[in-house]
PDB file of all heavy atoms in Angstrom:
ATOM      1  N   LEU A   1      11.174 -33.541 -10.994  1.00  0.00           N
ATOM      2  CA  LEU A   1      10.730 -32.325 -10.677  1.00  0.00           C
ATOM      3  C   LEU A   1      10.161 -31.513 -11.738  1.00  0.00           C
ATOM      4  O   LEU A   1       9.222 -30.650 -11.494  1.00  0.00           O
ATOM      5  CB  LEU A   1      11.804 -31.406  -9.856  1.00  0.00           C
ATOM      6  CG  LEU A   1      12.291 -32.042  -8.534  1.00  0.00           C
ATOM      7  CD1 LEU A   1      13.278 -31.179  -7.892  1.00  0.00           C
ATOM      8  CD2 LEU A   1      11.095 -32.096  -7.519  1.00  0.00           C
ATOM      9  N   VAL A   2      10.711 -31.581 -12.892  1.00  0.00           N
ATOM     10  CA  VAL A   2      10.164 -30.757 -14.107  1.00  0.00           C
ATOM     11  C   VAL A   2       8.662 -31.245 -14.272  1.00  0.00           C
ATOM     12  O   VAL A   2       7.751 -30.375 -14.522  1.00  0.00           O
ATOM     13  CB  VAL A   2      10.992 -31.204 -15.414  1.00  0.00           C
ATOM     14  CG1 VAL A   2      10.201 -30.657 -16.639  1.00  0.00           C
ATOM     15  CG2 VAL A   2      12.440 -30.525 -15.156  1.00  0.00           C
ATOM     16  N   LYS A   3       8.342 -32.469 -14.256  1.00  0.00           N
ATOM     17  CA  LYS A   3       6.984 -32.925 -14.355  1.00  0.00           C
ATOM     18  C   LYS A   3       6.092 -32.407 -13.170  1.00  0.00           C
ATOM     19  O   LYS A   3       4.968 -32.038 -13.520  1.00  0.00           O
ATOM     20  CB  LYS A   3       6.911 -34.540 -14.348  1.00  0.00           C
ATOM     21  CG  LYS A   3       7.555 -35.136 -15.546  1.00  0.00           C
ATOM     22  CD  LYS A   3       7.751 -36.682 -15.434  1.00  0.00           C
ATOM     23  CE  LYS A   3       8.630 -37.314 -16.406  1.00  0.00           C
ATOM     24  NZ  LYS A   3       8.907 -38.705 -16.207  1.00  0.00           N
ATOM     25  N   VAL A   4       6.543 -32.444 -12.073  1.00  0.00           N
ATOM     26  CA  VAL A   4       5.745 -31.942 -10.921  1.00  0.00           C
ATOM     27  C   VAL A   4       5.521 -30.547 -10.975  1.00  0.00           C
ATOM     28  O   VAL A   4       4.434 -30.093 -10.766  1.00  0.00           O
ATOM     29  CB  VAL A   4       6.394 -32.412  -9.583  1.00  0.00           C
ATOM     30  CG1 VAL A   4       5.853 -31.838  -8.423  1.00  0.00           C
ATOM     31  CG2 VAL A   4       6.567 -33.919  -9.469  1.00  0.00           C
ATOM     32  N   ALA A   5       6.500 -29.744 -11.294  1.00  0.00           N
ATOM     33  CA  ALA A   5       6.524 -28.295 -11.468  1.00  0.00           C
ATOM     34  C   ALA A   5       5.436 -28.015 -12.545  1.00  0.00           C
ATOM     35  O   ALA A   5       4.650 -26.966 -12.464  1.00  0.00           O
ATOM     36  CB  ALA A   5       7.905 -27.670 -11.735  1.00  0.00           C
ATOM     37  N   HIS A   6       5.468 -28.695 -13.707  1.00  0.00           N
ATOM     38  CA  HIS A   6       4.549 -28.478 -14.703  1.00  0.00           C
ATOM     39  C   HIS A   6       3.131 -28.601 -14.245  1.00  0.00           C
ATOM     40  O   HIS A   6       2.198 -27.748 -14.516  1.00  0.00           O
ATOM     41  CB  HIS A   6       4.777 -29.386 -15.938  1.00  0.00           C
ATOM     42  CG  HIS A   6       3.888 -29.281 -17.052  1.00  0.00           C
ATOM     43  ND1 HIS A   6       3.923 -28.287 -17.919  1.00  0.00           N
ATOM     44  CD2 HIS A   6       2.939 -30.144 -17.409  1.00  0.00           C
ATOM     45  CE1 HIS A   6       2.853 -28.480 -18.794  1.00  0.00           C
ATOM     46  NE2 HIS A   6       2.232 -29.545 -18.542  1.00  0.00           N
ATOM     47  N   GLU A   7       2.854 -29.808 -13.502  1.00  0.00           N
ATOM     48  CA  GLU A   7       1.581 -29.838 -12.962  1.00  0.00           C
ATOM     49  C   GLU A   7       1.184 -28.746 -11.899  1.00  0.00           C
ATOM     50  O   GLU A   7      -0.022 -28.447 -11.943  1.00  0.00           O
ATOM     51  CB  GLU A   7       1.408 -31.346 -12.366  1.00  0.00           C
ATOM     52  CG  GLU A   7       0.055 -31.663 -11.859  1.00  0.00           C
ATOM     53  CD  GLU A   7      -0.954 -31.839 -12.977  1.00  0.00           C
ATOM     54  OE1 GLU A   7      -0.667 -32.188 -14.141  1.00  0.00           O
ATOM     55  OE2 GLU A   7      -2.135 -31.369 -12.851  1.00  0.00           O
ATOM     56  N   LEU A   8       2.079 -28.412 -11.090  1.00  0.00           N
ATOM     57  CA  LEU A   8       1.787 -27.463 -10.060  1.00  0.00           C
ATOM     58  C   LEU A   8       1.544 -26.038 -10.836  1.00  0.00           C
ATOM     59  O   LEU A   8       0.596 -25.250 -10.460  1.00  0.00           O
ATOM     60  CB  LEU A   8       2.990 -27.173  -9.153  1.00  0.00           C
ATOM     61  CG  LEU A   8       3.291 -28.260  -8.065  1.00  0.00           C
ATOM     62  CD1 LEU A   8       4.589 -27.939  -7.355  1.00  0.00           C
ATOM     63  CD2 LEU A   8       2.108 -28.220  -7.075  1.00  0.00           C
ATOM     64  N   GLY A   9       2.073 -25.804 -11.939  1.00  0.00           N
ATOM     65  CA  GLY A   9       1.875 -24.653 -12.807  1.00  0.00           C
ATOM     66  C   GLY A   9       0.505 -24.672 -13.375  1.00  0.00           C
ATOM     67  O   GLY A   9      -0.382 -23.737 -13.321  1.00  0.00           O
ATOM     68  N   LYS A  10       0.150 -25.859 -14.027  1.00  0.00           N
ATOM     69  CA  LYS A  10      -1.131 -26.102 -14.512  1.00  0.00           C
ATOM     70  C   LYS A  10      -2.402 -25.901 -13.533  1.00  0.00           C
ATOM     71  O   LYS A  10      -3.451 -25.434 -13.732  1.00  0.00           O
ATOM     72  CB  LYS A  10      -1.312 -27.530 -15.183  1.00  0.00           C
ATOM     73  CG  LYS A  10      -0.683 -27.610 -16.502  1.00  0.00           C
ATOM     74  CD  LYS A  10      -0.796 -28.970 -17.182  1.00  0.00           C
ATOM     75  CE  LYS A  10      -1.829 -29.943 -16.726  1.00  0.00           C
ATOM     76  NZ  LYS A  10      -1.820 -31.199 -17.383  1.00  0.00           N
ATOM     77  N   ALA A  11      -2.033 -26.300 -12.291  1.00  0.00           N
ATOM     78  CA  ALA A  11      -3.032 -26.241 -11.129  1.00  0.00           C
ATOM     79  C   ALA A  11      -3.154 -24.812 -10.608  1.00  0.00           C
ATOM     80  O   ALA A  11      -4.006 -24.429  -9.805  1.00  0.00           O
ATOM     81  CB  ALA A  11      -2.643 -27.169 -10.064  1.00  0.00           C
ATOM     82  N   GLY A  12      -2.252 -23.866 -10.978  1.00  0.00           N
ATOM     83  CA  GLY A  12      -2.271 -22.579 -10.567  1.00  0.00           C
ATOM     84  C   GLY A  12      -1.495 -22.178  -9.233  1.00  0.00           C
ATOM     85  O   GLY A  12      -1.524 -21.219  -8.584  1.00  0.00           O
ATOM     86  N   TYR A  13      -0.664 -23.273  -8.775  1.00  0.00           N
ATOM     87  CA  TYR A  13      -0.003 -22.929  -7.443  1.00  0.00           C
ATOM     88  C   TYR A  13       1.325 -22.252  -7.667  1.00  0.00           C
ATOM     89  O   TYR A  13       1.755 -21.641  -6.778  1.00  0.00           O
ATOM     90  CB  TYR A  13       0.340 -24.358  -6.771  1.00  0.00           C
ATOM     91  CG  TYR A  13      -0.958 -25.088  -6.349  1.00  0.00           C
ATOM     92  CD1 TYR A  13      -1.316 -26.303  -6.949  1.00  0.00           C
ATOM     93  CD2 TYR A  13      -1.816 -24.487  -5.414  1.00  0.00           C
ATOM     94  CE1 TYR A  13      -2.424 -26.974  -6.543  1.00  0.00           C
ATOM     95  CE2 TYR A  13      -2.878 -25.128  -5.096  1.00  0.00           C
ATOM     96  CZ  TYR A  13      -3.302 -26.379  -5.589  1.00  0.00           C
ATOM     97  OH  TYR A  13      -4.305 -27.159  -5.168  1.00  0.00           O
ATOM     98  N   ILE A  14       1.879 -22.486  -8.837  1.00  0.00           N
ATOM     99  CA  ILE A  14       3.222 -21.806  -8.986  1.00  0.00           C
ATOM    100  C   ILE A  14       3.075 -21.110 -10.501  1.00  0.00           C
ATOM    101  O   ILE A  14       2.273 -21.447 -11.405  1.00  0.00           O
ATOM    102  CB  ILE A  14       4.424 -22.681  -9.044  1.00  0.00           C
ATOM    103  CG1 ILE A  14       4.359 -23.759 -10.201  1.00  0.00           C
ATOM    104  CG2 ILE A  14       4.556 -23.441  -7.739  1.00  0.00           C
ATOM    105  CD1 ILE A  14       5.612 -24.656 -10.284  1.00  0.00           C
ATOM    106  N   GLU A  15       3.935 -20.103 -10.638  1.00  0.00           N
ATOM    107  CA  GLU A  15       4.026 -19.426 -11.954  1.00  0.00           C
ATOM    108  C   GLU A  15       5.423 -20.014 -12.537  1.00  0.00           C
ATOM    109  O   GLU A  15       6.378 -20.003 -11.903  1.00  0.00           O
ATOM    110  CB  GLU A  15       4.163 -17.940 -11.873  1.00  0.00           C
ATOM    111  CG  GLU A  15       2.881 -17.325 -11.311  1.00  0.00           C
ATOM    112  CD  GLU A  15       2.961 -15.962 -10.923  1.00  0.00           C
ATOM    113  OE1 GLU A  15       4.070 -15.324 -10.853  1.00  0.00           O
ATOM    114  OE2 GLU A  15       1.907 -15.347 -10.836  1.00  0.00           O
ATOM    115  N   THR A  16       5.417 -20.201 -13.850  1.00  0.00           N
ATOM    116  CA  THR A  16       6.627 -20.672 -14.561  1.00  0.00           C
ATOM    117  C   THR A  16       7.032 -19.693 -15.523  1.00  0.00           C
ATOM    118  O   THR A  16       6.108 -19.178 -16.277  1.00  0.00           O
ATOM    119  CB  THR A  16       6.526 -22.047 -15.157  1.00  0.00           C
ATOM    120  OG1 THR A  16       5.395 -21.998 -16.079  1.00  0.00           O
ATOM    121  CG2 THR A  16       6.186 -23.087 -14.118  1.00  0.00           C
ATOM    122  N   VAL A  17       8.254 -19.296 -15.660  1.00  0.00           N
ATOM    123  CA  VAL A  17       8.831 -18.403 -16.661  1.00  0.00           C
ATOM    124  C   VAL A  17       9.986 -19.079 -17.246  1.00  0.00           C
ATOM    125  O   VAL A  17      10.970 -19.543 -16.714  1.00  0.00           O
ATOM    126  CB  VAL A  17       9.293 -17.066 -16.046  1.00  0.00           C
ATOM    127  CG1 VAL A  17       9.905 -16.226 -17.110  1.00  0.00           C
ATOM    128  CG2 VAL A  17       8.293 -16.420 -15.240  1.00  0.00           C
ATOM    129  N   ARG A  18       9.853 -19.277 -18.751  1.00  0.00           N
ATOM    130  CA  ARG A  18      10.829 -19.943 -19.451  1.00  0.00           C
ATOM    131  C   ARG A  18      11.969 -18.977 -19.981  1.00  0.00           C
ATOM    132  O   ARG A  18      11.748 -17.775 -19.963  1.00  0.00           O
ATOM    133  CB  ARG A  18      10.111 -20.622 -20.658  1.00  0.00           C
ATOM    134  CG  ARG A  18       9.140 -21.573 -20.387  1.00  0.00           C
ATOM    135  CD  ARG A  18       8.507 -22.253 -21.471  1.00  0.00           C
ATOM    136  NE  ARG A  18       8.687 -23.751 -21.271  1.00  0.00           N
ATOM    137  CZ  ARG A  18       8.680 -24.566 -22.249  1.00  0.00           C
ATOM    138  NH1 ARG A  18       8.528 -24.225 -23.479  1.00  0.00           N
ATOM    139  NH2 ARG A  18       8.806 -25.855 -21.986  1.00  0.00           N
ATOM    140  N   GLY A  19      13.053 -19.637 -20.327  1.00  0.00           N
ATOM    141  CA  GLY A  19      14.042 -18.868 -20.942  1.00  0.00           C
ATOM    142  C   GLY A  19      15.067 -18.336 -19.976  1.00  0.00           C
ATOM    143  O   GLY A  19      15.055 -18.500 -18.850  1.00  0.00           O
ATOM    144  N   ARG A  20      15.917 -17.293 -20.567  1.00  0.00           N
ATOM    145  CA  ARG A  20      16.983 -16.855 -19.696  1.00  0.00           C
ATOM    146  C   ARG A  20      16.376 -15.981 -18.559  1.00  0.00           C
ATOM    147  O   ARG A  20      15.538 -15.148 -18.763  1.00  0.00           O
ATOM    148  CB  ARG A  20      17.830 -15.860 -20.577  1.00  0.00           C
ATOM    149  CG  ARG A  20      18.993 -15.266 -19.808  1.00  0.00           C
ATOM    150  CD  ARG A  20      19.773 -14.344 -20.669  1.00  0.00           C
ATOM    151  NE  ARG A  20      20.859 -14.737 -21.557  1.00  0.00           N
ATOM    152  CZ  ARG A  20      21.933 -15.411 -20.992  1.00  0.00           C
ATOM    153  NH1 ARG A  20      22.169 -15.586 -19.813  1.00  0.00           N
ATOM    154  NH2 ARG A  20      22.983 -15.820 -21.861  1.00  0.00           N
ATOM    155  N   GLY A  21      16.749 -16.240 -17.425  1.00  0.00           N
ATOM    156  CA  GLY A  21      16.227 -15.493 -16.264  1.00  0.00           C
ATOM    157  C   GLY A  21      14.847 -16.005 -15.834  1.00  0.00           C
ATOM    158  O   GLY A  21      14.222 -15.484 -14.903  1.00  0.00           O
ATOM    159  N   GLY A  22      14.516 -17.160 -16.293  1.00  0.00           N
ATOM    160  CA  GLY A  22      13.299 -17.830 -16.004  1.00  0.00           C
ATOM    161  C   GLY A  22      13.390 -18.601 -14.768  1.00  0.00           C
ATOM    162  O   GLY A  22      14.387 -18.466 -14.084  1.00  0.00           O
ATOM    163  N   GLY A  23      12.376 -19.324 -14.248  1.00  0.00           N
ATOM    164  CA  GLY A  23      12.367 -19.980 -13.234  1.00  0.00           C
ATOM    165  C   GLY A  23      10.943 -20.186 -12.714  1.00  0.00           C
ATOM    166  O   GLY A  23       9.959 -19.901 -13.517  1.00  0.00           O
ATOM    167  N   ILE A  24      10.744 -20.587 -11.496  1.00  0.00           N
ATOM    168  CA  ILE A  24       9.334 -20.662 -10.893  1.00  0.00           C
ATOM    169  C   ILE A  24       9.278 -19.977  -9.473  1.00  0.00           C
ATOM    170  O   ILE A  24      10.250 -19.780  -8.860  1.00  0.00           O
ATOM    171  CB  ILE A  24       8.989 -22.241 -10.579  1.00  0.00           C
ATOM    172  CG1 ILE A  24      10.112 -22.962  -9.740  1.00  0.00           C
ATOM    173  CG2 ILE A  24       8.934 -23.038 -11.942  1.00  0.00           C
ATOM    174  CD1 ILE A  24       9.727 -24.397  -9.454  1.00  0.00           C
ATOM    175  N   ARG A  25       8.092 -19.640  -9.234  1.00  0.00           N
ATOM    176  CA  ARG A  25       7.788 -19.031  -7.965  1.00  0.00           C
ATOM    177  C   ARG A  25       6.333 -19.302  -7.533  1.00  0.00           C
ATOM    178  O   ARG A  25       5.493 -19.655  -8.439  1.00  0.00           O
ATOM    179  CB  ARG A  25       8.078 -17.522  -7.965  1.00  0.00           C
ATOM    180  CG  ARG A  25       7.199 -16.716  -8.983  1.00  0.00           C
ATOM    181  CD  ARG A  25       7.423 -15.272  -9.059  1.00  0.00           C
ATOM    182  NE  ARG A  25       6.781 -14.640 -10.155  1.00  0.00           N
ATOM    183  CZ  ARG A  25       7.212 -13.713 -10.930  1.00  0.00           C
ATOM    184  NH1 ARG A  25       8.368 -13.288 -10.565  1.00  0.00           N
ATOM    185  NH2 ARG A  25       6.477 -13.229 -11.879  1.00  0.00           N
ATOM    186  N   LEU A  26       5.993 -19.048  -6.363  1.00  0.00           N
ATOM    187  CA  LEU A  26       4.577 -19.182  -5.928  1.00  0.00           C
ATOM    188  C   LEU A  26       3.735 -18.313  -6.666  1.00  0.00           C
ATOM    189  O   LEU A  26       4.102 -17.131  -6.914  1.00  0.00           O
ATOM    190  CB  LEU A  26       4.425 -18.963  -4.451  1.00  0.00           C
ATOM    191  CG  LEU A  26       5.233 -19.928  -3.489  1.00  0.00           C
ATOM    192  CD1 LEU A  26       4.933 -19.614  -2.082  1.00  0.00           C
ATOM    193  CD2 LEU A  26       4.553 -21.414  -3.665  1.00  0.00           C
ATOM    194  N   ALA A  27       2.552 -18.721  -6.988  1.00  0.00           N
ATOM    195  CA  ALA A  27       1.566 -17.883  -7.757  1.00  0.00           C
ATOM    196  C   ALA A  27       0.629 -17.133  -6.657  1.00  0.00           C
ATOM    197  O   ALA A  27       0.008 -16.246  -7.062  1.00  0.00           O
ATOM    198  CB  ALA A  27       0.681 -18.769  -8.628  1.00  0.00           C
ATOM    199  N   HIS A  28       0.626 -17.668  -5.445  1.00  0.00           N
ATOM    200  CA  HIS A  28      -0.206 -17.050  -4.388  1.00  0.00           C
ATOM    201  C   HIS A  28       0.621 -17.022  -3.167  1.00  0.00           C
ATOM    202  O   HIS A  28       1.697 -17.754  -3.067  1.00  0.00           O
ATOM    203  CB  HIS A  28      -1.350 -17.955  -4.112  1.00  0.00           C
ATOM    204  CG  HIS A  28      -2.116 -18.164  -5.367  1.00  0.00           C
ATOM    205  ND1 HIS A  28      -3.007 -17.285  -5.988  1.00  0.00           N
ATOM    206  CD2 HIS A  28      -2.228 -19.356  -6.024  1.00  0.00           C
ATOM    207  CE1 HIS A  28      -3.554 -17.888  -7.023  1.00  0.00           C
ATOM    208  NE2 HIS A  28      -3.057 -19.178  -7.155  1.00  0.00           N
ATOM    209  N   ALA A  29       0.213 -16.134  -2.311  1.00  0.00           N
ATOM    210  CA  ALA A  29       0.862 -16.069  -0.962  1.00  0.00           C
ATOM    211  C   ALA A  29       0.767 -17.370  -0.237  1.00  0.00           C
ATOM    212  O   ALA A  29      -0.212 -18.076  -0.456  1.00  0.00           O
ATOM    213  CB  ALA A  29       0.106 -14.954  -0.156  1.00  0.00           C
ATOM    214  N   PRO A  30       1.706 -17.820   0.528  1.00  0.00           N
ATOM    215  CA  PRO A  30       1.674 -19.166   1.308  1.00  0.00           C
ATOM    216  C   PRO A  30       0.462 -19.429   2.052  1.00  0.00           C
ATOM    217  O   PRO A  30      -0.089 -20.432   2.087  1.00  0.00           O
ATOM    218  CB  PRO A  30       2.887 -19.215   2.159  1.00  0.00           C
ATOM    219  CG  PRO A  30       3.848 -18.223   1.447  1.00  0.00           C
ATOM    220  CD  PRO A  30       2.985 -17.086   0.773  1.00  0.00           C
ATOM    221  N   GLU A  31      -0.138 -18.324   2.593  1.00  0.00           N
ATOM    222  CA  GLU A  31      -1.402 -18.481   3.403  1.00  0.00           C
ATOM    223  C   GLU A  31      -2.612 -18.805   2.535  1.00  0.00           C
ATOM    224  O   GLU A  31      -3.724 -19.235   3.053  1.00  0.00           O
ATOM    225  CB  GLU A  31      -1.621 -17.294   4.294  1.00  0.00           C
ATOM    226  CG  GLU A  31      -1.875 -16.003   3.689  1.00  0.00           C
ATOM    227  CD  GLU A  31      -0.618 -15.260   3.382  1.00  0.00           C
ATOM    228  OE1 GLU A  31       0.573 -15.771   3.531  1.00  0.00           O
ATOM    229  OE2 GLU A  31      -0.733 -13.983   3.094  1.00  0.00           O
ATOM    230  N   ALA A  32      -2.445 -18.621   1.211  1.00  0.00           N
ATOM    231  CA  ALA A  32      -3.559 -18.872   0.331  1.00  0.00           C
ATOM    232  C   ALA A  32      -3.542 -20.359  -0.354  1.00  0.00           C
ATOM    233  O   ALA A  32      -4.408 -20.703  -1.024  1.00  0.00           O
ATOM    234  CB  ALA A  32      -3.586 -17.833  -0.762  1.00  0.00           C
ATOM    235  N   ILE A  33      -2.473 -21.030   0.006  1.00  0.00           N
ATOM    236  CA  ILE A  33      -2.315 -22.389  -0.544  1.00  0.00           C
ATOM    237  C   ILE A  33      -2.671 -23.396   0.498  1.00  0.00           C
ATOM    238  O   ILE A  33      -1.927 -23.629   1.482  1.00  0.00           O
ATOM    239  CB  ILE A  33      -0.849 -22.587  -1.104  1.00  0.00           C
ATOM    240  CG1 ILE A  33      -0.586 -21.542  -2.247  1.00  0.00           C
ATOM    241  CG2 ILE A  33      -0.642 -24.006  -1.577  1.00  0.00           C
ATOM    242  CD1 ILE A  33       0.828 -21.573  -2.701  1.00  0.00           C
ATOM    243  N   ASN A  34      -3.760 -24.010   0.348  1.00  0.00           N
ATOM    244  CA  ASN A  34      -4.205 -25.022   1.225  1.00  0.00           C
ATOM    245  C   ASN A  34      -3.707 -26.470   1.021  1.00  0.00           C
ATOM    246  O   ASN A  34      -3.689 -26.889  -0.198  1.00  0.00           O
ATOM    247  CB  ASN A  34      -5.893 -25.186   1.142  1.00  0.00           C
ATOM    248  CG  ASN A  34      -6.320 -26.207   2.101  1.00  0.00           C
ATOM    249  OD1 ASN A  34      -6.431 -27.289   1.911  1.00  0.00           O
ATOM    250  ND2 ASN A  34      -6.724 -25.732   3.369  1.00  0.00           N
ATOM    251  N   ILE A  35      -3.121 -27.028   2.027  1.00  0.00           N
ATOM    252  CA  ILE A  35      -2.327 -28.314   1.905  1.00  0.00           C
ATOM    253  C   ILE A  35      -3.348 -29.421   1.513  1.00  0.00           C
ATOM    254  O   ILE A  35      -3.018 -30.344   0.677  1.00  0.00           O
ATOM    255  CB  ILE A  35      -1.623 -28.648   3.165  1.00  0.00           C
ATOM    256  CG1 ILE A  35      -0.536 -27.498   3.539  1.00  0.00           C
ATOM    257  CG2 ILE A  35      -0.959 -30.063   3.182  1.00  0.00           C
ATOM    258  CD1 ILE A  35       0.396 -27.291   2.410  1.00  0.00           C
ATOM    259  N   GLY A  36      -4.505 -29.488   2.102  1.00  0.00           N
ATOM    260  CA  GLY A  36      -5.538 -30.503   1.712  1.00  0.00           C
ATOM    261  C   GLY A  36      -5.919 -30.504   0.255  1.00  0.00           C
ATOM    262  O   GLY A  36      -5.897 -31.494  -0.382  1.00  0.00           O
ATOM    263  N   GLU A  37      -6.031 -29.316  -0.185  1.00  0.00           N
ATOM    264  CA  GLU A  37      -6.367 -29.087  -1.611  1.00  0.00           C
ATOM    265  C   GLU A  37      -5.191 -29.565  -2.537  1.00  0.00           C
ATOM    266  O   GLU A  37      -5.436 -30.081  -3.654  1.00  0.00           O
ATOM    267  CB  GLU A  37      -6.730 -27.611  -1.838  1.00  0.00           C
ATOM    268  CG  GLU A  37      -7.056 -27.302  -3.307  1.00  0.00           C
ATOM    269  CD  GLU A  37      -7.203 -25.803  -3.495  1.00  0.00           C
ATOM    270  OE1 GLU A  37      -8.131 -25.228  -2.773  1.00  0.00           O
ATOM    271  OE2 GLU A  37      -6.530 -25.215  -4.348  1.00  0.00           O
ATOM    272  N   VAL A  38      -3.918 -29.249  -2.200  1.00  0.00           N
ATOM    273  CA  VAL A  38      -2.764 -29.559  -2.932  1.00  0.00           C
ATOM    274  C   VAL A  38      -2.782 -31.119  -3.050  1.00  0.00           C
ATOM    275  O   VAL A  38      -2.550 -31.572  -4.108  1.00  0.00           O
ATOM    276  CB  VAL A  38      -1.596 -29.037  -2.346  1.00  0.00           C
ATOM    277  CG1 VAL A  38      -0.274 -29.676  -3.088  1.00  0.00           C
ATOM    278  CG2 VAL A  38      -1.530 -27.437  -2.371  1.00  0.00           C
ATOM    279  N   ILE A  39      -2.889 -31.760  -1.829  1.00  0.00           N
ATOM    280  CA  ILE A  39      -2.752 -33.236  -1.810  1.00  0.00           C
ATOM    281  C   ILE A  39      -3.951 -33.829  -2.679  1.00  0.00           C
ATOM    282  O   ILE A  39      -3.634 -34.826  -3.465  1.00  0.00           O
ATOM    283  CB  ILE A  39      -2.768 -33.778  -0.449  1.00  0.00           C
ATOM    284  CG1 ILE A  39      -1.520 -33.301   0.223  1.00  0.00           C
ATOM    285  CG2 ILE A  39      -3.028 -35.190  -0.308  1.00  0.00           C
ATOM    286  CD1 ILE A  39      -1.383 -33.614   1.625  1.00  0.00           C
ATOM    287  N   ARG A  40      -5.127 -33.410  -2.662  1.00  0.00           N
ATOM    288  CA  ARG A  40      -6.223 -33.933  -3.433  1.00  0.00           C
ATOM    289  C   ARG A  40      -5.964 -33.798  -4.941  1.00  0.00           C
ATOM    290  O   ARG A  40      -6.202 -34.618  -5.688  1.00  0.00           O
ATOM    291  CB  ARG A  40      -7.493 -33.259  -3.215  1.00  0.00           C
ATOM    292  CG  ARG A  40      -8.136 -33.743  -1.883  1.00  0.00           C
ATOM    293  CD  ARG A  40      -9.475 -32.898  -1.821  1.00  0.00           C
ATOM    294  NE  ARG A  40     -10.253 -33.288  -0.397  1.00  0.00           N
ATOM    295  CZ  ARG A  40      -9.951 -32.706   0.756  1.00  0.00           C
ATOM    296  NH1 ARG A  40      -8.948 -31.724   0.864  1.00  0.00           N
ATOM    297  NH2 ARG A  40     -10.485 -33.050   1.859  1.00  0.00           N
ATOM    298  N   ARG A  41      -5.328 -32.561  -5.265  1.00  0.00           N
ATOM    299  CA  ARG A  41      -5.032 -32.324  -6.726  1.00  0.00           C
ATOM    300  C   ARG A  41      -3.901 -33.142  -7.264  1.00  0.00           C
ATOM    301  O   ARG A  41      -3.904 -33.670  -8.387  1.00  0.00           O
ATOM    302  CB  ARG A  41      -4.746 -30.934  -6.724  1.00  0.00           C
ATOM    303  CG  ARG A  41      -4.286 -30.473  -8.235  1.00  0.00           C
ATOM    304  CD  ARG A  41      -5.540 -30.346  -9.135  1.00  0.00           C
ATOM    305  NE  ARG A  41      -5.137 -30.131 -10.434  1.00  0.00           N
ATOM    306  CZ  ARG A  41      -5.541 -29.014 -11.163  1.00  0.00           C
ATOM    307  NH1 ARG A  41      -6.239 -28.235 -10.687  1.00  0.00           N
ATOM    308  NH2 ARG A  41      -5.170 -29.018 -12.379  1.00  0.00           N
ATOM    309  N   MET A  42      -2.885 -33.378  -6.319  1.00  0.00           N
ATOM    310  CA  MET A  42      -1.628 -34.045  -6.772  1.00  0.00           C
ATOM    311  C   MET A  42      -1.807 -35.701  -6.730  1.00  0.00           C
ATOM    312  O   MET A  42      -1.141 -36.306  -7.506  1.00  0.00           O
ATOM    313  CB  MET A  42      -0.461 -33.668  -5.997  1.00  0.00           C
ATOM    314  CG  MET A  42      -0.151 -32.097  -6.340  1.00  0.00           C
ATOM    315  SD  MET A  42       0.127 -31.904  -8.026  1.00  0.00           S
ATOM    316  CE  MET A  42      -0.465 -30.221  -8.233  1.00  0.00           C
ATOM    317  N   GLU A  43      -2.641 -36.256  -5.774  1.00  0.00           N
ATOM    318  CA  GLU A  43      -2.787 -37.597  -5.783  1.00  0.00           C
ATOM    319  C   GLU A  43      -3.558 -38.193  -6.964  1.00  0.00           C
ATOM    320  O   GLU A  43      -4.680 -37.517  -7.259  1.00  0.00           O
ATOM    321  CB  GLU A  43      -3.366 -38.032  -4.468  1.00  0.00           C
ATOM    322  CG  GLU A  43      -2.552 -37.964  -3.239  1.00  0.00           C
ATOM    323  CD  GLU A  43      -1.376 -39.124  -3.411  1.00  0.00           C
ATOM    324  OE1 GLU A  43      -1.637 -40.206  -3.592  1.00  0.00           O
ATOM    325  OE2 GLU A  43      -0.180 -38.679  -3.070  1.00  0.00           O
ATOM    326  N   ASP A  44      -3.278 -39.285  -7.475  1.00  0.00           N
ATOM    327  CA  ASP A  44      -4.059 -39.828  -8.630  1.00  0.00           C
ATOM    328  C   ASP A  44      -5.357 -40.542  -8.095  1.00  0.00           C
ATOM    329  O   ASP A  44      -6.299 -40.658  -8.833  1.00  0.00           O
ATOM    330  CB  ASP A  44      -3.218 -40.521  -9.510  1.00  0.00           C
ATOM    331  CG  ASP A  44      -2.448 -41.824  -8.846  1.00  0.00           C
ATOM    332  OD1 ASP A  44      -2.432 -41.787  -7.582  1.00  0.00           O
ATOM    333  OD2 ASP A  44      -1.831 -42.582  -9.504  1.00  0.00           O
ATOM    334  N   ASP A  45      -5.307 -40.989  -6.850  1.00  0.00           N
ATOM    335  CA  ASP A  45      -6.546 -41.709  -6.407  1.00  0.00           C
ATOM    336  C   ASP A  45      -6.380 -41.982  -4.799  1.00  0.00           C
ATOM    337  O   ASP A  45      -5.129 -41.750  -4.366  1.00  0.00           O
ATOM    338  CB  ASP A  45      -6.926 -43.047  -7.086  1.00  0.00           C
ATOM    339  CG  ASP A  45      -5.872 -44.105  -6.762  1.00  0.00           C
ATOM    340  OD1 ASP A  45      -5.719 -44.405  -5.617  1.00  0.00           O
ATOM    341  OD2 ASP A  45      -5.302 -44.627  -7.701  1.00  0.00           O
TER     342      ASP A  45
END
């Protein structure tokens, strides 16, 4: 999950905050995240 979250952050789907009180959250509202786009971005081929 660490690797996947890193890639989701690089792709702009989530925001990551390091350190105490850190964590991850959506970078956009759920209605702005297209499933087809996510799948194209995450699949290697």
